[in-house]
Amino acid sequence: MNKPLLILITLALLGTGNTLLAADVKNGKQLQQKNCMSCHDDSMYTRDERRVKSLASLRTQVQRCESTLGLTWFDEETDDVTAYLNKSFYKFK
């Protein structure tokens, strides 16, 4: 493989990394309070027997709830809600 192609592939892979680093937690909170509180109160996120055990599974659950509610969030909005929930309740690294 030639060096320029390898550099481009590496940069592309780095660019698809964790988008939660750039998430807007404030927007995530607003979206969560507007859309999620009809089914979930904060005790859902703090209970001992919660099923979400990783950041990836948290994002998957946010996507599942979005789909169930018929929302049409952009990926960035899903990231925002995931980041808000993680920062406020889950604390995954």
N, C-alpha and C. Protein backbone atom coordinates (compact mmCIF):
# COMPACT_ATOMS: atom_id res chain seq x y z
N MET A 1 0.86 -1.17 0.00
CA MET A 1 0.00 0.00 0.00
C MET A 1 0.90 1.23 0.00
N ASN A 2 0.54 2.23 -0.78
CA ASN A 2 1.38 3.42 -0.84
C ASN A 2 1.12 4.32 0.37
N LYS A 3 2.09 5.11 0.71
CA LYS A 3 2.06 5.92 1.93
C LYS A 3 0.92 6.95 1.95
N PRO A 4 0.66 7.70 0.87
CA PRO A 4 -0.46 8.66 0.91
C PRO A 4 -1.81 7.99 1.15
N LEU A 5 -2.02 6.83 0.55
CA LEU A 5 -3.27 6.12 0.76
C LEU A 5 -3.39 5.67 2.20
N LEU A 6 -2.33 5.18 2.78
CA LEU A 6 -2.32 4.76 4.18
C LEU A 6 -2.64 5.93 5.10
N ILE A 7 -2.09 7.09 4.80
CA ILE A 7 -2.36 8.28 5.60
C ILE A 7 -3.83 8.67 5.50
N LEU A 8 -4.39 8.63 4.31
CA LEU A 8 -5.81 8.96 4.13
C LEU A 8 -6.72 7.99 4.87
N ILE A 9 -6.41 6.73 4.80
CA ILE A 9 -7.20 5.72 5.51
C ILE A 9 -7.12 5.94 7.02
N THR A 10 -5.93 6.21 7.51
CA THR A 10 -5.75 6.46 8.94
C THR A 10 -6.54 7.68 9.39
N LEU A 11 -6.47 8.77 8.63
CA LEU A 11 -7.22 9.97 8.98
C LEU A 11 -8.72 9.72 8.94
N ALA A 12 -9.18 8.95 7.96
CA ALA A 12 -10.61 8.64 7.87
C ALA A 12 -11.06 7.83 9.08
N LEU A 13 -10.26 6.87 9.49
CA LEU A 13 -10.60 6.06 10.66
C LEU A 13 -10.61 6.90 11.93
N LEU A 14 -9.67 7.80 12.06
CA LEU A 14 -9.65 8.68 13.22
C LEU A 14 -10.87 9.59 13.24
N GLY A 15 -11.31 10.00 12.08
CA GLY A 15 -12.47 10.87 11.98
C GLY A 15 -13.77 10.20 12.33
N THR A 16 -13.80 8.88 12.30
CA THR A 16 -15.02 8.16 12.65
C THR A 16 -14.99 7.69 14.09
N GLY A 17 -14.09 8.23 14.87
CA GLY A 17 -13.95 7.84 16.27
C GLY A 17 -15.13 8.30 17.10
N ASN A 18 -14.90 8.43 18.36
CA ASN A 18 -15.95 8.74 19.32
C ASN A 18 -16.51 10.14 19.11
N THR A 19 -17.68 10.25 18.49
CA THR A 19 -18.30 11.54 18.25
C THR A 19 -18.88 12.12 19.53
N LEU A 20 -18.96 11.32 20.57
CA LEU A 20 -19.49 11.83 21.83
C LEU A 20 -18.57 12.88 22.43
N LEU A 21 -17.31 12.92 22.01
CA LEU A 21 -16.39 13.93 22.52
C LEU A 21 -16.84 15.32 22.12
N ALA A 22 -17.53 15.44 21.01
CA ALA A 22 -17.99 16.74 20.52
C ALA A 22 -19.48 16.96 20.81
N ALA A 23 -20.08 16.11 21.60
CA ALA A 23 -21.52 16.20 21.84
C ALA A 23 -21.88 17.44 22.66
N ASP A 24 -23.09 17.91 22.45
CA ASP A 24 -23.63 19.07 23.16
C ASP A 24 -24.51 18.56 24.29
N VAL A 25 -23.94 18.51 25.49
CA VAL A 25 -24.64 17.95 26.65
C VAL A 25 -25.89 18.77 26.98
N LYS A 26 -25.80 20.08 26.84
CA LYS A 26 -26.96 20.95 27.13
C LYS A 26 -28.12 20.62 26.20
N ASN A 27 -27.83 20.45 24.91
CA ASN A 27 -28.87 20.06 23.95
C ASN A 27 -29.40 18.67 24.29
N GLY A 28 -28.51 17.77 24.69
CA GLY A 28 -28.93 16.42 25.07
C GLY A 28 -29.90 16.44 26.23
N LYS A 29 -29.64 17.30 27.20
CA LYS A 29 -30.55 17.42 28.35
C LYS A 29 -31.92 17.91 27.90
N GLN A 30 -31.93 18.94 27.03
CA GLN A 30 -33.20 19.47 26.53
C GLN A 30 -33.99 18.41 25.77
N LEU A 31 -33.30 17.67 24.89
CA LEU A 31 -33.97 16.61 24.12
C LEU A 31 -34.49 15.51 25.04
N GLN A 32 -33.69 15.13 26.03
CA GLN A 32 -34.09 14.08 26.97
C GLN A 32 -35.31 14.52 27.77
N GLN A 33 -35.30 15.74 28.26
CA GLN A 33 -36.43 16.21 29.06
C GLN A 33 -37.68 16.37 28.22
N LYS A 34 -37.53 16.78 26.98
CA LYS A 34 -38.70 16.96 26.11
C LYS A 34 -39.28 15.63 25.64
N ASN A 35 -38.43 14.64 25.37
CA ASN A 35 -38.90 13.42 24.71
C ASN A 35 -38.89 12.17 25.58
N CYS A 36 -38.00 12.08 26.52
CA CYS A 36 -37.80 10.82 27.25
C CYS A 36 -38.54 10.77 28.58
N MET A 37 -38.81 11.93 29.16
CA MET A 37 -39.39 11.96 30.50
C MET A 37 -40.84 11.47 30.53
N SER A 38 -41.47 11.35 29.37
CA SER A 38 -42.83 10.82 29.36
C SER A 38 -42.85 9.33 29.73
N CYS A 39 -41.73 8.65 29.50
CA CYS A 39 -41.63 7.22 29.84
C CYS A 39 -40.67 6.97 31.01
N HIS A 40 -39.65 7.80 31.14
CA HIS A 40 -38.60 7.56 32.13
C HIS A 40 -38.47 8.74 33.08
N ASP A 41 -38.38 8.44 34.37
CA ASP A 41 -37.93 9.47 35.29
C ASP A 41 -36.47 9.16 35.64
N ASP A 42 -35.83 10.03 36.40
CA ASP A 42 -34.41 9.85 36.66
C ASP A 42 -34.07 8.54 37.36
N SER A 43 -35.02 7.96 38.07
CA SER A 43 -34.75 6.69 38.76
C SER A 43 -34.46 5.56 37.77
N MET A 44 -34.91 5.70 36.53
CA MET A 44 -34.63 4.70 35.49
C MET A 44 -33.12 4.59 35.26
N TYR A 45 -32.44 5.69 35.36
CA TYR A 45 -31.02 5.72 35.06
C TYR A 45 -30.13 5.40 36.27
N THR A 46 -30.71 5.42 37.45
CA THR A 46 -29.89 5.21 38.65
C THR A 46 -30.21 3.90 39.37
N ARG A 47 -31.14 3.14 38.89
CA ARG A 47 -31.52 1.89 39.58
C ARG A 47 -30.38 0.87 39.52
N ASP A 48 -30.31 0.04 40.51
CA ASP A 48 -29.24 -0.96 40.61
C ASP A 48 -29.28 -1.99 39.50
N GLU A 49 -30.47 -2.38 39.10
CA GLU A 49 -30.61 -3.47 38.11
C GLU A 49 -30.70 -2.97 36.66
N ARG A 50 -30.15 -1.81 36.39
CA ARG A 50 -30.23 -1.29 35.02
C ARG A 50 -29.49 -2.21 34.04
N ARG A 51 -30.03 -2.27 32.83
CA ARG A 51 -29.49 -3.18 31.81
C ARG A 51 -28.33 -2.59 31.02
N VAL A 52 -28.24 -1.30 30.97
CA VAL A 52 -27.18 -0.63 30.20
C VAL A 52 -25.87 -0.74 30.99
N LYS A 53 -24.87 -1.37 30.36
CA LYS A 53 -23.61 -1.64 31.06
C LYS A 53 -22.39 -1.02 30.39
N SER A 54 -22.59 -0.30 29.28
CA SER A 54 -21.46 0.31 28.57
C SER A 54 -21.96 1.53 27.80
N LEU A 55 -21.02 2.37 27.38
CA LEU A 55 -21.38 3.54 26.60
C LEU A 55 -22.02 3.14 25.27
N ALA A 56 -21.50 2.09 24.66
CA ALA A 56 -22.08 1.62 23.38
C ALA A 56 -23.51 1.14 23.58
N SER A 57 -23.77 0.43 24.66
CA SER A 57 -25.13 -0.06 24.88
C SER A 57 -26.06 1.09 25.28
N LEU A 58 -25.52 2.13 25.91
CA LEU A 58 -26.33 3.31 26.21
C LEU A 58 -26.77 3.99 24.92
N ARG A 59 -25.85 4.17 23.99
CA ARG A 59 -26.20 4.79 22.71
C ARG A 59 -27.23 3.94 21.96
N THR A 60 -27.05 2.63 21.99
CA THR A 60 -28.01 1.73 21.34
C THR A 60 -29.39 1.88 21.97
N GLN A 61 -29.44 2.01 23.29
CA GLN A 61 -30.73 2.17 23.97
C GLN A 61 -31.37 3.51 23.62
N VAL A 62 -30.57 4.55 23.52
CA VAL A 62 -31.11 5.86 23.12
C VAL A 62 -31.69 5.76 21.71
N GLN A 63 -30.99 5.08 20.81
CA GLN A 63 -31.50 4.88 19.45
C GLN A 63 -32.80 4.07 19.46
N ARG A 64 -32.87 3.06 20.30
CA ARG A 64 -34.07 2.23 20.40
C ARG A 64 -35.26 3.06 20.87
N CYS A 65 -35.04 3.88 21.88
CA CYS A 65 -36.12 4.73 22.38
C CYS A 65 -36.55 5.77 21.34
N GLU A 66 -35.56 6.33 20.65
CA GLU A 66 -35.86 7.29 19.58
C GLU A 66 -36.77 6.65 18.53
N SER A 67 -36.43 5.45 18.13
CA SER A 67 -37.21 4.73 17.13
C SER A 67 -38.62 4.42 17.65
N THR A 68 -38.70 3.97 18.87
CA THR A 68 -40.00 3.63 19.47
C THR A 68 -40.92 4.84 19.52
N LEU A 69 -40.35 6.00 19.81
CA LEU A 69 -41.15 7.22 19.89
C LEU A 69 -41.42 7.85 18.53
N GLY A 70 -40.80 7.30 17.47
CA GLY A 70 -41.00 7.83 16.13
C GLY A 70 -40.29 9.15 15.90
N LEU A 71 -39.24 9.39 16.67
CA LEU A 71 -38.46 10.62 16.50
C LEU A 71 -37.54 10.46 15.29
N THR A 72 -37.09 11.54 14.77
CA THR A 72 -36.17 11.50 13.63
C THR A 72 -34.95 12.35 13.94
N TRP A 73 -34.24 11.94 14.98
CA TRP A 73 -33.05 12.68 15.38
C TRP A 73 -31.91 12.44 14.40
N PHE A 74 -31.07 13.45 14.26
CA PHE A 74 -29.80 13.27 13.57
C PHE A 74 -28.87 12.50 14.50
N ASP A 75 -27.82 11.92 13.95
CA ASP A 75 -26.83 11.20 14.77
C ASP A 75 -26.27 12.10 15.87
N GLU A 76 -26.09 13.37 15.57
CA GLU A 76 -25.55 14.30 16.55
C GLU A 76 -26.49 14.46 17.74
N GLU A 77 -27.78 14.44 17.50
CA GLU A 77 -28.75 14.57 18.59
C GLU A 77 -28.75 13.30 19.45
N THR A 78 -28.63 12.15 18.81
CA THR A 78 -28.49 10.90 19.56
C THR A 78 -27.23 10.95 20.42
N ASP A 79 -26.15 11.45 19.85
CA ASP A 79 -24.90 11.60 20.61
C ASP A 79 -25.08 12.57 21.77
N ASP A 80 -25.82 13.65 21.54
CA ASP A 80 -26.05 14.64 22.60
C ASP A 80 -26.79 14.02 23.78
N VAL A 81 -27.86 13.28 23.50
CA VAL A 81 -28.63 12.65 24.57
C VAL A 81 -27.79 11.59 25.28
N THR A 82 -27.06 10.81 24.51
CA THR A 82 -26.19 9.80 25.09
C THR A 82 -25.15 10.44 26.00
N ALA A 83 -24.54 11.52 25.54
CA ALA A 83 -23.52 12.21 26.34
C ALA A 83 -24.13 12.80 27.61
N TYR A 84 -25.32 13.37 27.50
CA TYR A 84 -25.99 13.92 28.68
C TYR A 84 -26.28 12.82 29.70
N LEU A 85 -26.86 11.72 29.25
CA LEU A 85 -27.18 10.63 30.17
C LEU A 85 -25.92 10.05 30.79
N ASN A 86 -24.88 9.93 29.99
CA ASN A 86 -23.64 9.38 30.52
C ASN A 86 -23.02 10.32 31.56
N LYS A 87 -22.97 11.59 31.24
CA LYS A 87 -22.38 12.56 32.17
C LYS A 87 -23.18 12.67 33.45
N SER A 88 -24.50 12.64 33.34
CA SER A 88 -25.36 12.86 34.49
C SER A 88 -25.61 11.61 35.34
N PHE A 89 -25.62 10.44 34.70
CA PHE A 89 -26.04 9.24 35.43
C PHE A 89 -25.07 8.06 35.33
N TYR A 90 -24.66 7.71 34.14
CA TYR A 90 -23.95 6.45 33.94
C TYR A 90 -22.47 6.52 34.25
N LYS A 91 -21.82 7.59 33.83
CA LYS A 91 -20.39 7.80 34.11
C LYS A 91 -19.47 6.75 33.48
N PHE A 92 -19.81 6.27 32.28
CA PHE A 92 -18.92 5.36 31.57
C PHE A 92 -17.73 6.14 31.04
N LYS A 93 -16.60 5.48 30.94
CA LYS A 93 -15.39 6.13 30.40
C LYS A 93 -15.34 5.98 28.91
